Amino acid sequence: MSSPVKIWRQHKKLHNYLNKVGRLVVWTKIYVAPAGFEHQVPYLAGIVQFNGERLPLQIVDCEEKDLKPNLKVVTVIRKIGKAKSEDVIEYGVKVKPVQGGSRV
């Protein structure tokens, strides 16, 4: 577990990533997850293009059949990992398709 202070400092920066619109370049379905994410498998992850910057992000709120190259996506803040009752809940940036599935 990360320290509560480190988590708090990271959370202070999350608003900088909220509601950024980008396009989905490629994606995959993860069946074997890293430590802390085992409870989420299978889940979708992809490379998203934001104005010259590409980021690897988890894709939420959609099915794999709905994903297409250049699909317009928007960043959202969601819980990451799985916290025990005594842990601090960590949040991070993920993406979801823009309502209506428009393309950029």
C-alpha atoms as a PDB file:
ATOM      1  CA  MET A   1       0.000   0.000   0.000  1.00  0.00           C
ATOM      2  CA  SER A   2       1.172   3.538  -0.759  1.00  0.00           C
ATOM      3  CA  SER A   3       1.369   6.023   2.050  1.00  0.00           C
ATOM      4  CA  PRO A   4      -1.731   8.194   2.622  1.00  0.00           C
ATOM      5  CA  VAL A   5       0.363  11.327   2.047  1.00  0.00           C
ATOM      6  CA  LYS A   6       1.588  10.090  -1.350  1.00  0.00           C
ATOM      7  CA  ILE A   7      -1.963   9.172  -2.376  1.00  0.00           C
ATOM      8  CA  TRP A   8      -3.278  12.576  -1.258  1.00  0.00           C
ATOM      9  CA  ARG A   9      -0.614  14.386  -3.314  1.00  0.00           C
ATOM     10  CA  GLN A  10      -1.501  12.340  -6.402  1.00  0.00           C
ATOM     11  CA  HIS A  11      -5.233  12.964  -5.927  1.00  0.00           C
ATOM     12  CA  LYS A  12      -4.665  16.729  -5.865  1.00  0.00           C
ATOM     13  CA  LYS A  13      -3.553  16.534  -9.527  1.00  0.00           C
ATOM     14  CA  LEU A  14      -6.421  14.379 -10.835  1.00  0.00           C
ATOM     15  CA  HIS A  15      -8.620  17.330 -11.810  1.00  0.00           C
ATOM     16  CA  ASN A  16      -6.042  18.229 -14.492  1.00  0.00           C
ATOM     17  CA  TYR A  17      -7.015  15.079 -16.396  1.00  0.00           C
ATOM     18  CA  LEU A  18     -10.795  15.216 -15.979  1.00  0.00           C
ATOM     19  CA  ASN A  19     -12.981  15.507 -19.113  1.00  0.00           C
ATOM     20  CA  LYS A  20     -10.156  15.475 -21.681  1.00  0.00           C
ATOM     21  CA  VAL A  21     -11.377  14.173 -25.030  1.00  0.00           C
ATOM     22  CA  GLY A  22      -9.167  11.960 -27.164  1.00  0.00           C
ATOM     23  CA  ARG A  23      -9.347   9.102 -29.622  1.00  0.00           C
ATOM     24  CA  LEU A  24      -8.739   5.413 -29.129  1.00  0.00           C
ATOM     25  CA  VAL A  25      -5.756   4.177 -31.156  1.00  0.00           C
ATOM     26  CA  VAL A  26      -5.587   0.480 -30.148  1.00  0.00           C
ATOM     27  CA  TRP A  27      -6.940  -1.669 -27.333  1.00  0.00           C
ATOM     28  CA  THR A  28      -6.695  -5.105 -25.766  1.00  0.00           C
ATOM     29  CA  LYS A  29      -8.444  -7.214 -23.159  1.00  0.00           C
ATOM     30  CA  ILE A  30      -6.358  -8.028 -20.087  1.00  0.00           C
ATOM     31  CA  TYR A  31      -6.825 -11.538 -18.654  1.00  0.00           C
ATOM     32  CA  VAL A  32      -3.743 -11.712 -16.407  1.00  0.00           C
ATOM     33  CA  ALA A  33      -3.529  -8.539 -14.342  1.00  0.00           C
ATOM     34  CA  PRO A  34      -0.708  -7.066 -12.275  1.00  0.00           C
ATOM     35  CA  ALA A  35      -0.852  -7.229  -8.467  1.00  0.00           C
ATOM     36  CA  GLY A  36      -3.751  -5.253  -7.057  1.00  0.00           C
ATOM     37  CA  PHE A  37      -5.904  -5.545 -10.184  1.00  0.00           C
ATOM     38  CA  GLU A  38      -6.656  -9.283 -10.141  1.00  0.00           C
ATOM     39  CA  HIS A  39     -10.252  -8.646  -9.066  1.00  0.00           C
ATOM     40  CA  GLN A  40     -10.936  -6.634 -12.272  1.00  0.00           C
ATOM     41  CA  VAL A  41     -10.013  -9.241 -14.918  1.00  0.00           C
ATOM     42  CA  PRO A  42     -10.930  -9.352 -17.659  1.00  0.00           C
ATOM     43  CA  TYR A  43     -10.742  -5.618 -18.351  1.00  0.00           C
ATOM     44  CA  LEU A  44     -10.075  -3.402 -21.363  1.00  0.00           C
ATOM     45  CA  ALA A  45      -7.016  -1.183 -21.784  1.00  0.00           C
ATOM     46  CA  GLY A  46      -5.927   0.947 -24.692  1.00  0.00           C
ATOM     47  CA  ILE A  47      -3.658   3.640 -26.063  1.00  0.00           C
ATOM     48  CA  VAL A  48      -5.455   6.987 -26.279  1.00  0.00           C
ATOM     49  CA  GLN A  49      -4.275   9.961 -28.363  1.00  0.00           C
ATOM     50  CA  PHE A  50      -4.689  13.417 -26.775  1.00  0.00           C
ATOM     51  CA  ASN A  51      -3.386  16.333 -28.912  1.00  0.00           C
ATOM     52  CA  GLY A  52       0.034  14.860 -29.624  1.00  0.00           C
ATOM     53  CA  GLU A  53       0.285  12.830 -26.408  1.00  0.00           C
ATOM     54  CA  ARG A  54      -0.468   9.107 -26.188  1.00  0.00           C
ATOM     55  CA  LEU A  55      -1.359   7.510 -22.856  1.00  0.00           C
ATOM     56  CA  PRO A  56      -2.116   3.910 -21.864  1.00  0.00           C
ATOM     57  CA  LEU A  57      -5.426   3.917 -19.962  1.00  0.00           C
ATOM     58  CA  GLN A  58      -8.074   1.495 -18.790  1.00  0.00           C
ATOM     59  CA  ILE A  59     -11.349   1.628 -20.741  1.00  0.00           C
ATOM     60  CA  VAL A  60     -14.589   1.538 -18.723  1.00  0.00           C
ATOM     61  CA  ASP A  61     -18.353   1.642 -19.268  1.00  0.00           C
ATOM     62  CA  CYS A  62     -18.406  -0.260 -22.569  1.00  0.00           C
ATOM     63  CA  GLU A  63     -18.141  -3.682 -24.147  1.00  0.00           C
ATOM     64  CA  GLU A  64     -15.251  -4.754 -26.357  1.00  0.00           C
ATOM     65  CA  LYS A  65     -17.631  -5.139 -29.331  1.00  0.00           C
ATOM     66  CA  ASP A  66     -18.364  -1.378 -29.133  1.00  0.00           C
ATOM     67  CA  LEU A  67     -14.707  -0.345 -29.554  1.00  0.00           C
ATOM     68  CA  LYS A  68     -13.444   0.890 -32.922  1.00  0.00           C
ATOM     69  CA  PRO A  69     -10.291   2.688 -34.070  1.00  0.00           C
ATOM     70  CA  ASN A  70     -10.605   6.474 -33.647  1.00  0.00           C
ATOM     71  CA  LEU A  71     -13.513   6.098 -31.215  1.00  0.00           C
ATOM     72  CA  LYS A  72     -13.952   9.343 -29.290  1.00  0.00           C
ATOM     73  CA  VAL A  73     -13.289   8.831 -25.568  1.00  0.00           C
ATOM     74  CA  VAL A  74     -13.314  11.090 -22.523  1.00  0.00           C
ATOM     75  CA  THR A  75     -11.298  10.824 -19.309  1.00  0.00           C
ATOM     76  CA  VAL A  76     -13.023  10.037 -16.027  1.00  0.00           C
ATOM     77  CA  ILE A  77     -11.812   9.560 -12.460  1.00  0.00           C
ATOM     78  CA  ARG A  78     -12.449   6.099 -11.025  1.00  0.00           C
ATOM     79  CA  LYS A  79     -11.315   3.949  -8.144  1.00  0.00           C
ATOM     80  CA  ILE A  80      -8.221   1.883  -8.929  1.00  0.00           C
ATOM     81  CA  GLY A  81      -7.069  -1.260  -7.226  1.00  0.00           C
ATOM     82  CA  LYS A  82      -8.867  -2.817  -4.274  1.00  0.00           C
ATOM     83  CA  ALA A  83      -8.557  -1.241  -0.842  1.00  0.00           C
ATOM     84  CA  LYS A  84      -8.924  -3.082   2.445  1.00  0.00           C
ATOM     85  CA  SER A  85     -11.057  -1.498   5.134  1.00  0.00           C
ATOM     86  CA  GLU A  86      -8.015   0.133   6.770  1.00  0.00           C
ATOM     87  CA  ASP A  87      -6.485   1.393   3.477  1.00  0.00           C
ATOM     88  CA  VAL A  88      -6.902   4.714   1.709  1.00  0.00           C
ATOM     89  CA  ILE A  89      -8.995   4.378  -1.459  1.00  0.00           C
ATOM     90  CA  GLU A  90      -6.925   5.304  -4.522  1.00  0.00           C
ATOM     91  CA  TYR A  91      -8.415   6.985  -7.590  1.00  0.00           C
ATOM     92  CA  GLY A  92      -6.959   7.321 -11.070  1.00  0.00           C
ATOM     93  CA  VAL A  93      -7.690   8.329 -14.643  1.00  0.00           C
ATOM     94  CA  LYS A  94      -9.579   6.000 -16.995  1.00  0.00           C
ATOM     95  CA  VAL A  95     -11.474   6.604 -20.246  1.00  0.00           C
ATOM     96  CA  LYS A  96     -14.970   5.854 -21.444  1.00  0.00           C
ATOM     97  CA  PRO A  97     -16.604   6.315 -24.849  1.00  0.00           C
ATOM     98  CA  VAL A  98     -18.221   9.692 -25.430  1.00  0.00           C
ATOM     99  CA  GLN A  99     -22.012   9.429 -25.291  1.00  0.00           C
ATOM    100  CA  GLY A 100     -23.241   8.318 -28.704  1.00  0.00           C
ATOM    101  CA  GLY A 101     -19.877   6.741 -29.674  1.00  0.00           C
ATOM    102  CA  SER A 102     -18.899   9.610 -32.002  1.00  0.00           C
ATOM    103  CA  ARG A 103     -15.619   9.478 -33.855  1.00  0.00           C
ATOM    104  CA  VAL A 104     -12.983  12.221 -33.857  1.00  0.00           C
END
